[in-house]
Protein backbone atom coordinates (compact mmCIF):
# COMPACT_ATOMS: atom_id res chain seq x y z
CA MET A 1 -67.85 78.84 12.11
CA ASP A 2 -69.10 78.97 8.57
CA TYR A 3 -68.68 75.92 6.37
CA ASN A 4 -70.96 76.47 3.45
CA ILE A 5 -71.30 72.91 2.22
CA VAL A 6 -75.04 73.01 1.54
CA GLU A 7 -74.50 73.47 -2.17
CA ALA A 8 -72.09 70.54 -2.30
CA LEU A 9 -74.53 68.29 -0.45
CA GLY A 10 -77.30 69.37 -2.81
CA ALA A 11 -75.18 68.31 -5.79
CA VAL A 12 -74.55 64.90 -4.19
CA ALA A 13 -78.28 64.52 -3.52
CA ARG A 14 -79.09 65.21 -7.16
CA GLU A 15 -76.36 62.93 -8.48
CA LYS A 16 -77.17 59.97 -6.23
CA ASN A 17 -80.92 60.60 -6.26
CA VAL A 18 -80.89 60.62 -2.45
CA ASP A 19 -83.14 62.70 -0.22
CA ARG A 20 -81.43 65.91 0.88
CA ALA A 21 -82.67 65.60 4.45
CA THR A 22 -80.99 62.20 4.63
CA LEU A 23 -77.70 63.77 3.57
CA MET A 24 -77.96 66.49 6.21
CA GLU A 25 -78.66 63.84 8.85
CA SER A 26 -75.63 61.90 7.62
CA LEU A 27 -73.47 65.01 7.90
CA VAL A 28 -74.56 65.53 11.50
CA ILE A 29 -73.78 61.91 12.41
CA GLY A 30 -70.39 62.16 10.69
CA LEU A 31 -69.39 65.32 12.58
CA GLN A 32 -70.53 63.80 15.87
CA SER A 33 -68.32 60.77 15.19
CA ALA A 34 -65.37 63.03 14.37
CA ALA A 35 -65.82 65.05 17.58
CA LYS A 36 -66.06 61.90 19.71
CA LYS A 37 -62.92 60.60 18.03
CA LYS A 38 -61.13 63.65 19.46
CA VAL A 39 -62.62 64.03 22.94
CA GLY A 40 -64.00 60.55 23.79
CA LEU A 41 -66.72 58.16 22.82
CA ASN A 42 -68.86 58.97 25.86
CA ALA A 43 -68.89 62.68 25.12
CA ASP A 44 -72.24 64.40 24.57
CA ILE A 45 -71.85 66.08 21.17
CA GLN A 46 -74.52 68.24 19.56
CA VAL A 47 -74.26 69.37 15.93
CA GLU A 48 -76.46 72.10 14.47
CA VAL A 49 -76.53 72.89 10.73
CA ASP A 50 -78.23 75.94 9.22
CA GLU A 51 -79.33 74.75 5.78
CA ASP A 52 -79.87 78.31 4.53
CA SER A 53 -76.49 79.78 5.48
CA GLY A 54 -74.50 76.58 5.72
CA GLU A 55 -73.27 77.51 9.22
CA ILE A 56 -72.28 74.53 11.37
CA GLU A 57 -72.00 74.54 15.17
CA ILE A 58 -70.37 71.63 17.02
CA ILE A 59 -71.15 71.78 20.73
CA ARG A 60 -69.76 69.63 23.53
CA ARG A 61 -72.11 69.37 26.54
CA ARG A 62 -70.82 68.45 30.02
CA ARG A 63 -72.63 68.16 33.34
CA VAL A 64 -71.21 70.05 36.36
CA VAL A 65 -70.47 67.75 39.33
CA GLU A 66 -68.66 67.92 42.67
CA ARG A 67 -66.42 64.98 41.88
CA VAL A 68 -65.71 63.91 38.29
CA VAL A 69 -66.25 60.23 37.52
CA ASP A 70 -66.37 60.43 33.68
CA SER A 71 -64.15 63.18 32.35
CA GLU A 72 -65.62 62.84 28.85
CA SER A 73 -69.13 63.86 29.89
CA GLU A 74 -68.56 65.62 33.26
CA VAL A 75 -66.67 68.65 34.59
CA SER A 76 -65.93 69.65 38.20
CA VAL A 77 -67.70 72.66 39.61
CA VAL A 78 -64.34 74.31 40.30
CA ASP A 79 -63.18 74.03 36.69
CA ALA A 80 -66.56 75.08 35.38
CA GLN A 81 -66.66 78.23 37.56
CA ALA A 82 -63.14 79.09 36.49
CA GLU A 83 -64.10 78.82 32.81
CA TYR A 84 -67.71 80.04 32.78
CA GLY A 85 -68.09 82.15 35.91
CA ASP A 86 -69.03 81.84 39.57
CA GLU A 87 -72.75 81.54 38.82
CA ILE A 88 -72.24 77.94 37.66
CA ILE A 89 -73.47 75.42 40.22
CA VAL A 90 -73.55 71.65 40.53
CA GLY A 91 -76.15 70.12 38.15
CA ASP A 92 -75.76 72.73 35.40
CA VAL A 93 -74.80 71.75 31.84
CA VAL A 94 -72.04 73.77 30.23
CA LYS A 95 -71.40 74.00 26.49
CA THR A 96 -68.10 74.20 24.69
CA TYR A 97 -67.99 75.18 21.00
CA MET A 98 -65.52 73.11 19.04
CA ASP A 99 -63.58 74.06 15.95
CA ILE A 100 -63.53 71.39 13.22
CA ASN A 101 -59.99 72.43 12.31
CA GLU A 102 -58.84 71.06 15.66
CA PHE A 103 -60.19 67.56 14.98
CA GLY A 104 -57.19 66.31 13.08
CA ARG A 105 -56.87 64.18 9.97
CA ASN A 106 -58.09 60.95 11.57
CA ALA A 107 -61.23 62.54 12.97
CA ILE A 108 -62.06 64.17 9.64
CA SER A 109 -61.49 60.81 7.90
CA VAL A 110 -64.01 59.21 10.28
CA ALA A 111 -66.58 61.91 9.45
CA LYS A 112 -66.02 61.34 5.74
CA GLN A 113 -66.40 57.57 6.06
CA VAL A 114 -69.62 57.93 8.00
CA LEU A 115 -71.01 60.37 5.46
CA VAL A 116 -70.08 58.15 2.49
CA GLN A 117 -71.51 55.05 4.17
CA LYS A 118 -74.75 56.82 5.03
CA VAL A 119 -75.06 58.08 1.46
CA ARG A 120 -74.46 54.56 0.14
CA ASP A 121 -77.02 53.07 2.54
CA ALA A 122 -79.57 55.71 1.59
CA GLU A 123 -78.93 55.05 -2.10
CA ARG A 124 -79.36 51.28 -1.63
CA SER A 125 -82.54 51.78 0.35
CA GLN A 126 -83.90 54.07 -2.34
CA ILE A 127 -83.06 51.52 -5.06
CA PHE A 128 -84.68 48.70 -3.08
CA GLU A 129 -87.88 50.67 -2.51
CA GLU A 130 -88.04 51.69 -6.17
CA PHE A 131 -87.55 48.23 -7.67
CA ARG A 132 -89.54 46.36 -5.02
CA ASP A 133 -92.65 48.01 -6.42
CA ARG A 134 -91.62 47.08 -9.97
CA VAL A 135 -91.61 43.30 -9.56
CA GLY A 136 -93.57 42.00 -12.53
CA ASP A 137 -92.44 44.78 -14.87
CA VAL A 138 -90.34 44.43 -18.01
CA ILE A 139 -87.18 46.55 -18.13
CA VAL A 140 -84.69 47.30 -20.86
CA GLY A 141 -80.97 47.46 -20.12
CA SER A 142 -77.58 46.77 -21.61
CA VAL A 143 -75.34 43.79 -20.98
CA GLN A 144 -72.50 44.88 -18.73
CA GLN A 145 -70.76 41.56 -18.17
CA VAL A 146 -71.25 37.82 -18.73
CA ASP A 147 -69.90 35.84 -15.77
CA ARG A 148 -70.12 32.02 -15.80
CA GLY A 149 -73.46 32.13 -17.57
CA ASN A 150 -74.91 34.85 -15.34
CA ILE A 151 -75.46 38.18 -17.07
CA LEU A 152 -75.00 41.52 -15.30
CA VAL A 153 -77.36 44.10 -16.79
CA ASN A 154 -77.01 47.86 -16.44
CA VAL A 155 -80.42 49.46 -15.91
CA ASN A 156 -80.24 53.23 -15.37
CA ARG A 157 -76.94 52.90 -13.48
CA ILE A 158 -78.44 50.04 -11.45
CA GLU A 159 -76.82 46.63 -11.76
CA ALA A 160 -79.33 43.80 -12.22
CA MET A 161 -78.61 40.11 -12.76
CA LEU A 162 -80.04 37.61 -15.24
CA PRO A 163 -79.10 34.18 -13.81
CA TYR A 164 -78.23 31.33 -16.14
CA ARG A 165 -81.36 29.40 -15.10
CA GLU A 166 -83.54 32.34 -16.21
CA ARG A 167 -82.01 32.57 -19.69
CA ILE A 168 -83.61 31.21 -22.85
CA ARG A 169 -81.46 28.36 -24.05
CA GLY A 170 -79.55 29.13 -27.22
CA GLU A 171 -79.51 32.91 -26.80
CA ASN A 172 -76.09 34.58 -27.00
CA TYR A 173 -75.21 37.83 -25.28
CA HIS A 174 -72.23 40.14 -25.53
CA GLN A 175 -71.18 43.28 -23.71
CA GLY A 176 -73.19 46.33 -24.72
CA LYS A 177 -76.09 44.37 -26.24
CA THR A 178 -79.56 45.68 -25.38
CA ILE A 179 -81.65 43.17 -23.46
CA LYS A 180 -85.27 43.08 -22.32
CA ALA A 181 -86.18 41.07 -19.22
CA PHE A 182 -88.79 40.55 -16.51
CA ILE A 183 -88.21 41.54 -12.87
CA VAL A 184 -88.97 38.46 -10.77
CA GLU A 185 -87.42 39.39 -7.42
CA VAL A 186 -85.64 42.18 -5.55
CA GLN A 187 -83.34 40.99 -2.78
CA ASN A 188 -81.96 43.23 -0.04
CA ASN A 189 -78.79 41.56 1.21
CA ALA A 190 -75.53 42.69 2.80
CA LYS A 191 -74.06 43.68 -0.54
CA GLY A 192 -77.01 45.89 -1.30
CA PRO A 193 -80.21 45.41 -3.26
CA GLN A 194 -80.03 42.77 -6.00
CA VAL A 195 -82.53 42.92 -8.87
CA ILE A 196 -83.13 39.43 -10.33
CA LEU A 197 -84.31 39.25 -13.95
CA SER A 198 -85.84 36.48 -16.07
CA ARG A 199 -86.59 35.78 -19.70
CA THR A 200 -88.18 32.38 -19.05
CA HIS A 201 -90.90 33.41 -16.58
CA PRO A 202 -94.52 33.06 -17.84
CA GLY A 203 -95.09 36.62 -16.69
CA PHE A 204 -92.55 37.84 -19.26
CA LEU A 205 -94.67 36.44 -22.10
CA LYS A 206 -97.83 37.92 -20.57
CA THR A 207 -96.25 41.35 -20.17
CA LEU A 208 -94.96 41.33 -23.74
CA PHE A 209 -98.48 40.70 -25.01
CA GLU A 210 -99.79 43.50 -22.80
CA SER A 211 -97.35 45.90 -24.44
CA GLU A 212 -98.17 44.69 -27.97
CA VAL A 213 -101.96 44.37 -27.70
CA PRO A 214 -103.84 47.61 -26.79
CA GLU A 215 -107.00 45.62 -26.03
CA ILE A 216 -105.19 43.84 -23.19
CA GLU A 217 -103.83 47.08 -21.76
CA GLU A 218 -107.34 48.59 -21.88
CA GLY A 219 -108.83 45.56 -20.10
CA ILE A 220 -111.04 44.49 -23.00
CA VAL A 221 -109.07 41.29 -23.52
CA GLU A 222 -107.64 39.33 -20.59
CA ILE A 223 -104.95 36.66 -20.50
CA LYS A 224 -106.35 33.96 -18.20
CA GLY A 225 -103.45 31.51 -18.32
CA VAL A 226 -99.89 31.11 -19.61
CA ALA A 227 -97.81 27.95 -20.05
CA ARG A 228 -94.26 28.08 -21.39
CA GLU A 229 -91.41 25.89 -22.44
CA PRO A 230 -88.99 28.79 -22.98
CA GLY A 231 -87.46 29.11 -26.39
CA THR A 232 -89.58 26.39 -28.01
CA ARG A 233 -93.33 26.66 -27.49
CA SER A 234 -95.96 28.35 -25.35
CA LYS A 235 -99.72 28.45 -24.95
CA ILE A 236 -101.89 31.29 -23.67
CA ALA A 237 -105.64 31.31 -22.95
CA VAL A 238 -107.43 34.60 -23.60
CA VAL A 239 -110.97 35.87 -23.11
CA SER A 240 -112.76 38.98 -24.34
CA HIS A 241 -114.98 41.05 -22.04
CA ASP A 242 -116.61 42.67 -25.07
CA GLU A 243 -118.58 40.39 -27.38
CA ARG A 244 -117.67 42.63 -30.31
CA VAL A 245 -113.95 41.98 -29.84
CA ASP A 246 -112.30 38.70 -30.85
CA ALA A 247 -109.76 37.85 -28.15
CA VAL A 248 -107.64 35.53 -30.29
CA GLY A 249 -107.71 37.86 -33.28
CA SER A 250 -106.63 40.81 -31.13
CA CYS A 251 -103.58 38.92 -29.89
CA VAL A 252 -102.66 37.64 -33.35
CA GLY A 253 -102.96 41.06 -34.99
CA MET A 254 -103.14 42.01 -38.65
CA LYS A 255 -101.36 39.28 -40.62
CA GLY A 256 -99.95 37.99 -37.35
CA SER A 257 -97.98 41.18 -36.64
CA ARG A 258 -98.56 41.25 -32.88
CA VAL A 259 -97.82 37.63 -32.09
CA GLN A 260 -94.82 37.72 -34.44
CA ALA A 261 -93.38 40.67 -32.52
CA VAL A 262 -93.56 38.66 -29.30
CA THR A 263 -92.11 35.59 -31.03
CA ARG A 264 -89.12 37.59 -32.28
CA GLU A 265 -88.41 38.88 -28.78
CA LEU A 266 -88.50 35.30 -27.47
CA SER A 267 -86.01 34.01 -30.06
CA GLY A 268 -88.58 32.29 -32.26
CA GLU A 269 -90.69 30.70 -29.52
CA LYS A 270 -93.92 29.43 -31.10
CA ILE A 271 -97.08 30.62 -29.38
CA ASP A 272 -100.52 28.97 -29.47
CA ILE A 273 -103.38 31.32 -28.60
CA VAL A 274 -106.59 29.59 -27.50
CA PRO A 275 -109.91 31.03 -26.33
CA TRP A 276 -110.46 30.52 -22.62
CA SER A 277 -113.55 28.74 -21.30
CA SER A 278 -114.96 28.34 -17.79
CA ASP A 279 -116.03 24.82 -18.81
CA THR A 280 -113.29 22.30 -18.00
CA VAL A 281 -114.03 20.07 -20.99
CA GLY A 282 -114.16 23.00 -23.38
CA LEU A 283 -110.93 24.51 -22.07
CA ILE A 284 -108.98 21.25 -22.27
CA THR A 285 -110.33 20.56 -25.75
CA ARG A 286 -109.08 23.95 -26.92
CA ALA A 287 -105.79 23.65 -25.06
CA LEU A 288 -104.96 20.43 -26.94
CA SER A 289 -105.33 22.17 -30.31
CA PRO A 290 -104.31 21.83 -33.09
CA ALA A 291 -105.37 18.22 -32.38
CA ARG A 292 -109.09 17.39 -32.55
CA VAL A 293 -110.50 15.79 -29.39
CA ASN A 294 -113.44 13.37 -29.64
CA HIS A 295 -114.37 13.02 -26.00
CA ILE A 296 -113.07 13.91 -22.54
CA LEU A 297 -113.73 11.97 -19.33
CA VAL A 298 -113.30 14.03 -16.16
CA ASP A 299 -112.24 12.63 -12.78
CA GLU A 300 -112.81 15.40 -10.23
CA ASP A 301 -111.28 13.42 -7.36
CA SER A 302 -107.85 13.02 -8.98
CA GLN A 303 -108.05 16.33 -10.87
CA GLY A 304 -107.34 14.39 -14.03
CA VAL A 305 -108.99 13.83 -17.40
CA THR A 306 -108.80 11.20 -20.13
CA ALA A 307 -108.80 12.78 -23.58
CA ILE A 308 -109.84 10.47 -26.42
CA VAL A 309 -108.63 11.37 -29.91
CA ASP A 310 -108.67 9.66 -33.30
CA ASP A 311 -105.68 7.49 -34.04
CA ASP A 312 -104.38 9.92 -36.67
CA GLN A 313 -104.64 12.80 -34.15
CA LEU A 314 -102.73 11.13 -31.30
CA SER A 315 -99.22 12.20 -32.34
CA LEU A 316 -100.49 15.73 -33.01
CA ALA A 317 -102.10 15.88 -29.56
CA ILE A 318 -98.91 14.66 -27.89
CA GLY A 319 -96.71 17.03 -29.88
CA ARG A 320 -92.99 16.86 -30.46
CA GLU A 321 -91.32 15.47 -27.34
CA GLY A 322 -94.70 15.64 -25.59
CA LYS A 323 -94.76 19.44 -25.59
CA ASN A 324 -98.38 19.91 -26.71
CA VAL A 325 -100.03 17.79 -24.03
CA ARG A 326 -97.55 18.98 -21.38
CA LEU A 327 -98.32 22.64 -22.10
CA ALA A 328 -102.06 21.92 -22.19
CA ALA A 329 -101.79 20.37 -18.72
CA LYS A 330 -99.90 23.40 -17.39
CA LEU A 331 -102.36 25.81 -18.96
CA THR A 332 -105.48 24.11 -17.59
CA GLY A 333 -104.12 22.80 -14.31
CA TRP A 334 -105.46 19.29 -15.04
CA LYS A 335 -103.56 16.04 -15.50
CA ILE A 336 -104.27 14.87 -19.04
CA ASP A 337 -104.12 11.23 -20.15
CA LEU A 338 -104.21 10.93 -23.95
CA VAL A 339 -105.76 7.77 -25.41
CA SER A 340 -106.42 6.89 -29.03
CA ALA A 341 -110.00 6.00 -29.93
CA SER A 342 -109.06 2.47 -30.98
CA GLU A 343 -107.21 1.76 -27.73
CA TYR A 344 -110.02 3.22 -25.63
CA ASN A 345 -112.66 1.16 -27.43
CA LEU A 346 -110.51 -1.95 -27.08
CA ARG A 347 -110.06 -1.37 -23.36
CA GLN A 348 -113.78 -0.87 -22.89
CA ARG A 349 -114.65 -3.96 -24.89
CA LEU A 350 -112.14 -6.14 -23.08
CA ALA A 351 -113.15 -4.78 -19.68
CA GLU A 352 -116.73 -5.72 -20.40
CA GLN A 353 -115.77 -9.17 -21.67
CA LEU A 354 -113.46 -9.88 -18.75
CA SER A 355 -115.77 -8.61 -16.03
CA MET A 356 -116.31 -11.65 -13.78
CA GLU A 357 -119.23 -12.21 -11.53
CA VAL A 358 -118.22 -12.95 -7.97
CA SER A 359 -119.97 -16.33 -8.18
CA VAL A 360 -117.30 -17.78 -10.52
CA MET A 361 -114.40 -16.98 -8.17
CA SER A 362 -112.73 -19.80 -6.24
CA GLY A 363 -114.03 -20.11 -2.69
CA VAL A 364 -117.43 -18.53 -3.41
CA ASP A 365 -120.44 -20.84 -3.38
CA ASP A 366 -124.00 -19.93 -4.28
CA GLU A 367 -124.92 -19.06 -0.69
CA LEU A 368 -121.89 -16.77 -0.21
CA SER A 369 -122.44 -15.25 -3.64
CA ALA A 370 -125.99 -14.30 -2.68
CA ALA A 371 -124.78 -12.83 0.63
CA LEU A 372 -122.14 -10.75 -1.15
CA LYS A 373 -124.63 -9.47 -3.71
CA ALA A 374 -126.93 -8.50 -0.85
CA VAL A 375 -124.31 -5.94 0.31
CA GLY A 376 -123.68 -4.65 -3.21
CA ILE A 377 -120.69 -6.83 -4.17
CA GLU A 378 -121.59 -8.37 -7.53
CA THR A 379 -118.25 -8.63 -9.38
CA VAL A 380 -114.70 -9.61 -8.54
CA ASP A 381 -113.77 -5.95 -9.06
CA ASP A 382 -116.27 -4.90 -6.38
CA LEU A 383 -114.88 -7.55 -4.05
CA ALA A 384 -111.25 -6.49 -4.60
CA ALA A 385 -112.18 -2.89 -3.76
CA ALA A 386 -114.00 -3.84 -0.55
CA THR A 387 -112.54 -3.72 2.97
CA VAL A 388 -112.17 -6.45 5.55
CA LEU A 389 -114.53 -4.52 7.82
CA LYS A 390 -117.25 -4.57 5.16
CA LEU A 391 -116.73 -8.26 4.44
CA GLU A 392 -116.97 -9.14 8.13
CA GLY A 393 -120.56 -7.96 7.97
CA VAL A 394 -121.40 -10.57 5.33
CA GLU A 395 -123.20 -13.61 6.70
CA GLY A 396 -120.96 -16.66 6.88
CA LEU A 397 -117.62 -14.75 6.86
CA ASP A 398 -115.33 -14.29 9.86
CA THR A 399 -112.23 -12.07 9.90
CA LYS A 400 -109.83 -14.72 8.61
CA ALA A 401 -112.17 -15.83 5.83
CA ALA A 402 -112.78 -12.19 4.85
CA GLU A 403 -109.05 -11.52 4.60
CA THR A 404 -108.48 -14.66 2.50
CA LEU A 405 -111.37 -13.83 0.18
CA LEU A 406 -110.16 -10.24 -0.24
CA LEU A 407 -106.60 -11.34 -1.10
CA THR A 408 -107.94 -13.86 -3.61
CA ALA A 409 -110.09 -11.20 -5.27
CA GLN A 410 -107.18 -8.74 -5.48
CA ALA A 411 -104.90 -11.39 -6.97
CA THR A 412 -107.59 -12.28 -9.48
CA MET A 413 -108.02 -8.66 -10.55
CA GLU A 414 -104.26 -8.25 -10.91
CA GLU A 415 -104.16 -11.29 -13.19
CA MET A 416 -107.09 -9.89 -15.15
CA ARG A 417 -105.30 -6.58 -15.64
CA LYS A 418 -102.21 -8.35 -16.93
CA GLN A 419 -104.29 -10.35 -19.39
CA VAL A 420 -106.04 -7.21 -20.59
CA GLU A 421 -102.72 -5.44 -21.18
CA GLU A 422 -101.34 -8.44 -23.05
CA MET A 423 -104.39 -8.59 -25.30
CA ILE A 424 -104.14 -4.86 -25.98
CA GLU A 425 -100.50 -5.22 -26.97
CA GLU A 426 -101.38 -8.16 -29.21
CA GLU A 427 -104.13 -6.12 -30.82
CA LYS A 428 -101.75 -3.21 -31.42
CA ALA A 429 -99.16 -5.52 -32.93
CA GLU A 430 -101.80 -7.10 -35.17
CA ARG A 431 -102.84 -3.68 -36.44
CA ALA A 432 -99.25 -2.74 -37.11
CA LYS A 433 -98.67 -5.71 -39.45
CA PRO A 434 -98.04 -4.99 -43.14
CA LEU A 435 -101.04 -5.12 -45.44
CA PHE A 436 -99.72 -8.16 -47.36
CA ASP A 437 -98.39 -10.25 -44.48
CA ASP A 438 -98.21 -13.93 -45.51
CA ASP A 439 -99.04 -15.05 -41.97
CA VAL A 440 -102.28 -13.09 -42.02
CA PHE A 441 -103.52 -14.47 -45.35
CA GLY A 442 -102.15 -18.01 -44.85
CA GLU A 443 -104.58 -19.18 -42.17
CA ALA A 444 -107.96 -20.63 -42.97
CA GLU A 445 -110.96 -19.02 -41.43
CA GLY A 446 -112.05 -22.29 -39.83
CA ASP A 447 -108.69 -22.76 -38.10
CA GLU A 448 -109.04 -19.69 -35.88
CA LYS A 449 -108.43 -20.52 -32.26
CA LYS A 450 -111.06 -19.68 -29.69
CA ILE A 451 -110.06 -18.14 -26.36
CA GLU A 452 -111.52 -19.78 -23.31
CA ALA A 453 -112.35 -17.58 -20.31
CA SER A 454 -110.63 -20.12 -18.05
CA GLU A 455 -107.34 -19.55 -19.95
CA LEU A 456 -107.22 -15.95 -18.73
CA PHE A 457 -106.93 -16.84 -15.05
CA ASP A 458 -105.04 -19.20 -12.82
CA GLY A 459 -107.06 -22.32 -12.03
CA GLU A 460 -106.42 -21.77 -8.33
CA LEU A 461 -107.98 -18.31 -8.51
CA ALA A 462 -111.03 -19.04 -10.66
CA LYS A 463 -113.24 -22.07 -10.98
CA GLU A 464 -113.04 -24.18 -14.11
CA ALA A 465 -115.53 -22.69 -16.55
CA LYS A 466 -118.57 -24.76 -17.45
CA PRO A 467 -119.32 -25.35 -21.17
CA SER A 468 -122.01 -22.68 -21.05
CA GLU A 469 -119.55 -20.23 -19.40
CA LYS A 470 -116.86 -20.40 -22.08
CA GLY A 471 -115.29 -17.06 -22.92
CA PRO A 472 -116.00 -15.09 -26.09
CA THR A 473 -114.33 -16.12 -29.34
CA GLU A 474 -111.87 -13.88 -31.10
CA GLU A 475 -114.63 -13.00 -33.59
CA GLU A 476 -116.82 -11.87 -30.69
CA LEU A 477 -114.00 -9.82 -29.15
CA PHE A 478 -112.66 -8.13 -32.26
CA GLY A 479 -115.51 -8.41 -34.75
CA GLU A 480 -114.96 -10.02 -38.13
CA SER A 481 -111.84 -12.04 -38.85
CA LYS A 482 -108.79 -10.02 -39.75
CA ASP A 483 -108.14 -12.50 -42.53
């Protein structure tokens, strides 16, 4: 029989962008299902399609047997000889050509369903394969629908989704509006492939710069790091692989044209562009701009740094709602502790003044002090950081005495820390007083109270200080009188 449907299948292949061979395979499977619907599910059905002429042959194959067990796939030798001739013997396979017109409406409906489902599956598979390779790209589509904060985006007849969590806060969308977004994921679930978009991903900012800055696309300038707080502020670190090209200047553009284009796309998000450095101190210093950093202390073990800035630069380094230092930490990958120069100097000065030798601690005589110093324990801080196992090796200490001494040292250090913090807060409060405070100018210089070292610690934890061991006066701690 001649059912010239090749042209129709070709049109479907072009419309759905599905491989033609896949459609022909789907047609074969559909016709096999229709034939089995008519003669039985166990029937052996063979379908042959001539793609040039469009001729279709549907053949039912049955094995010749003496005694039929399965009538759907077998035929008796008597019936076979009567239909095909006496030369048929047991073991032969006979073929019967079927006419599709005899299948009936239900069988044809089954063939159609199979064909449609196979076309849909092929289309989904093709979409998944196409977009799976495009993760990390920026696409442009139109808003199709806004559903409970999630936005359905039409991209070349493909439905993508911009979840609420991936939207820039404050942006409004309406049906038909053009939208640009970043492909973060392609899911292949029961409902078909789902393309997930984002406008908050750091990669979106990076890709926008790649499209705006030719030097980045050509590989001359490279974006080494991106940190974003979507819709408000971002930082990027860039480096040039050509000494003749300024990385920051390339990203900024003439009169800021390039960075402004990216800012407009991100709904006014401010972008700081800093030169990248392989040196940790240099990179963190630049990342904290526009604040000026005096000094940075690096702690490799904790992957953290202490950044010291002038007092008038502290608020600038922190930024509004802490954004500047938070973005700098994200950009560099280091934990950043910001400290003003005055507070850092005060902490250092007080730490030096309050550093106690182990010999002045309660329970430590001269002999034990010498034994402790022999193993490298010279201060109460050293003792508090020691272990019982180490102390057991000190001459004159057993396990119980070592544990008691260690607890005493730790309690002493805790009290010292509290006293240091209190003095820092007092110093801050003193500095915050008005210039013409009556209390400040009312006291006589000779009435200033001196601070005794013994007042800083509980008498049970530290020995009573001797006259020669009195603590520093306020003048010695803070310099000249504030009066």
